[in-house]
C-alpha atoms as a PDB file:
ATOM      1  CA  MET A   1      35.164-122.147-175.276  1.00  0.00           C
ATOM      2  CA  VAL A   2      37.369-119.066-175.516  1.00  0.00           C
ATOM      3  CA  CYS A   3      35.373-117.559-178.428  1.00  0.00           C
ATOM      4  CA  VAL A   4      32.214-117.468-176.324  1.00  0.00           C
ATOM      5  CA  GLU A   5      34.106-115.892-173.435  1.00  0.00           C
ATOM      6  CA  ILE A   6      35.602-113.230-175.719  1.00  0.00           C
ATOM      7  CA  GLY A   7      32.165-112.445-177.159  1.00  0.00           C
ATOM      8  CA  ASP A   8      30.563-112.239-173.720  1.00  0.00           C
ATOM      9  CA  ILE A   9      33.174-109.755-172.513  1.00  0.00           C
ATOM     10  CA  PHE A  10      33.456-107.829-175.788  1.00  0.00           C
ATOM     11  CA  GLN A  11      29.755-107.111-176.346  1.00  0.00           C
ATOM     12  CA  PRO A  12      28.993-104.892-173.320  1.00  0.00           C
ATOM     13  CA  MET A  13      32.279-103.001-173.783  1.00  0.00           C
ATOM     14  CA  PHE A  14      31.474-102.561-177.483  1.00  0.00           C
ATOM     15  CA  GLU A  15      28.003-101.223-176.712  1.00  0.00           C
ATOM     16  CA  SER A  16      29.235 -98.836-174.005  1.00  0.00           C
ATOM     17  CA  ALA A  17      31.804 -97.471-176.479  1.00  0.00           C
ATOM     18  CA  GLY A  18      28.996 -96.636-178.932  1.00  0.00           C
ATOM     19  CA  LYS A  19      29.579 -99.628-181.255  1.00  0.00           C
ATOM     20  CA  PRO A  20      32.537 -98.182-183.169  1.00  0.00           C
ATOM     21  CA  ILE A  21      33.101 -99.820-186.565  1.00  0.00           C
ATOM     22  CA  ALA A  22      36.842-100.072-185.874  1.00  0.00           C
ATOM     23  CA  MET A  23      36.292-102.141-182.699  1.00  0.00           C
ATOM     24  CA  ALA A  24      36.312-105.785-183.678  1.00  0.00           C
ATOM     25  CA  VAL A  25      37.668-109.238-182.959  1.00  0.00           C
ATOM     26  CA  PHE A  26      38.588-111.602-185.768  1.00  0.00           C
ATOM     27  CA  VAL A  27      39.450-115.281-185.454  1.00  0.00           C
ATOM     28  CA  ARG A  28      41.378-117.750-187.527  1.00  0.00           C
ATOM     29  CA  ARG A  29      40.658-121.441-187.002  1.00  0.00           C
ATOM     30  CA  GLU A  30      43.246-123.995-188.000  1.00  0.00           C
ATOM     31  CA  GLU A  31      42.421-127.667-187.981  1.00  0.00           C
ATOM     32  CA  GLY A  32      44.890-129.915-186.212  1.00  0.00           C
ATOM     33  CA  ASP A  33      45.155-133.678-185.890  1.00  0.00           C
ATOM     34  CA  VAL A  34      43.385-133.745-182.540  1.00  0.00           C
ATOM     35  CA  HIS A  35      41.695-130.363-182.166  1.00  0.00           C
ATOM     36  CA  CYS A  36      41.184-126.987-183.782  1.00  0.00           C
ATOM     37  CA  GLU A  37      43.488-124.114-182.811  1.00  0.00           C
ATOM     38  CA  VAL A  38      41.867-120.689-182.645  1.00  0.00           C
ATOM     39  CA  THR A  39      43.782-117.416-182.808  1.00  0.00           C
ATOM     40  CA  ALA A  40      41.879-114.221-182.038  1.00  0.00           C
ATOM     41  CA  TYR A  41      43.024-110.860-183.368  1.00  0.00           C
ATOM     42  CA  PHE A  42      41.733-107.757-181.604  1.00  0.00           C
ATOM     43  CA  SER A  43      41.641-104.438-183.428  1.00  0.00           C
ATOM     44  CA  PRO A  44      43.591-101.671-181.693  1.00  0.00           C
ATOM     45  CA  VAL A  45      40.290-100.068-180.632  1.00  0.00           C
ATOM     46  CA  ALA A  46      39.473-103.305-178.744  1.00  0.00           C
ATOM     47  CA  LYS A  47      42.661-102.941-176.685  1.00  0.00           C
ATOM     48  CA  ASP A  48      40.808-102.976-173.341  1.00  0.00           C
ATOM     49  CA  VAL A  49      39.196-106.317-174.186  1.00  0.00           C
ATOM     50  CA  ALA A  50      42.497-107.710-175.489  1.00  0.00           C
ATOM     51  CA  GLU A  51      44.239-106.813-172.235  1.00  0.00           C
ATOM     52  CA  LEU A  52      41.722-108.872-170.259  1.00  0.00           C
ATOM     53  CA  PHE A  53      42.914-111.913-172.222  1.00  0.00           C
ATOM     54  CA  GLU A  54      46.588-110.976-171.845  1.00  0.00           C
ATOM     55  CA  ALA A  55      46.857-110.563-175.605  1.00  0.00           C
ATOM     56  CA  LEU A  56      50.181-109.497-177.066  1.00  0.00           C
ATOM     57  CA  PRO A  57      50.854-106.985-179.859  1.00  0.00           C
ATOM     58  CA  CYS A  58      51.506-108.490-183.275  1.00  0.00           C
ATOM     59  CA  VAL A  59      51.713-107.456-186.898  1.00  0.00           C
ATOM     60  CA  ARG A  60      48.562-107.247-188.969  1.00  0.00           C
ATOM     61  CA  PRO A  61      47.387-110.731-189.974  1.00  0.00           C
ATOM     62  CA  ALA A  62      46.549-111.667-193.552  1.00  0.00           C
ATOM     63  CA  ARG A  63      42.815-111.263-194.208  1.00  0.00           C
ATOM     64  CA  GLU A  64      42.459-114.690-195.805  1.00  0.00           C
ATOM     65  CA  GLY A  65      40.869-117.136-193.401  1.00  0.00           C
ATOM     66  CA  LEU A  66      39.813-114.498-190.855  1.00  0.00           C
ATOM     67  CA  ASP A  67      36.246-114.549-189.596  1.00  0.00           C
ATOM     68  CA  LEU A  68      34.569-111.757-187.646  1.00  0.00           C
ATOM     69  CA  LEU A  69      33.893-112.976-184.103  1.00  0.00           C
ATOM     70  CA  ALA A  70      32.570-109.750-182.603  1.00  0.00           C
ATOM     71  CA  GLY A  71      31.878-106.249-183.807  1.00  0.00           C
ATOM     72  CA  VAL A  72      29.997-104.769-186.735  1.00  0.00           C
ATOM     73  CA  LYS A  73      29.603-107.120-189.699  1.00  0.00           C
ATOM     74  CA  ILE A  74      30.780-104.424-192.091  1.00  0.00           C
ATOM     75  CA  ALA A  75      34.050-104.231-190.144  1.00  0.00           C
ATOM     76  CA  GLY A  76      35.485-107.066-192.209  1.00  0.00           C
ATOM     77  CA  ARG A  77      35.028-105.080-195.415  1.00  0.00           C
ATOM     78  CA  ARG A  78      35.559-101.478-194.335  1.00  0.00           C
ATOM     79  CA  PHE A  79      37.970-101.843-191.480  1.00  0.00           C
ATOM     80  CA  SER A  80      41.564-102.579-192.295  1.00  0.00           C
ATOM     81  CA  LEU A  81      43.486-103.859-189.295  1.00  0.00           C
ATOM     82  CA  ASN A  82      46.300-101.458-188.453  1.00  0.00           C
ATOM     83  CA  ASP A  83      49.924-102.511-188.493  1.00  0.00           C
ATOM     84  CA  LYS A  84      49.672-103.386-184.797  1.00  0.00           C
ATOM     85  CA  THR A  85      46.908-105.549-183.414  1.00  0.00           C
ATOM     86  CA  ALA A  86      46.609-107.669-180.331  1.00  0.00           C
ATOM     87  CA  LEU A  87      47.028-111.419-180.558  1.00  0.00           C
ATOM     88  CA  LEU A  88      45.486-114.146-178.476  1.00  0.00           C
ATOM     89  CA  SER A  89      46.387-117.735-179.098  1.00  0.00           C
ATOM     90  CA  LYS A  90      44.730-120.533-177.156  1.00  0.00           C
END
């Protein structure tokens, strides 16, 4: 599952960066007829992780329906995604 892979790669990079609050990955899950589609949004500070997944820049997603996948739990409340984030859709 791509979420597990993202978390496994993100965590050591997050820790070596000193666990910055602004470094986070959020996901949005959308139910389909056959399977669930997951889109991961990387904060700009998580750019190095995003590049490993060949993520593309995108505009800031709406907060509704986003769940924190990796990073500091408070990131969802205190951290506002900038106008550019990285997008991964699988």
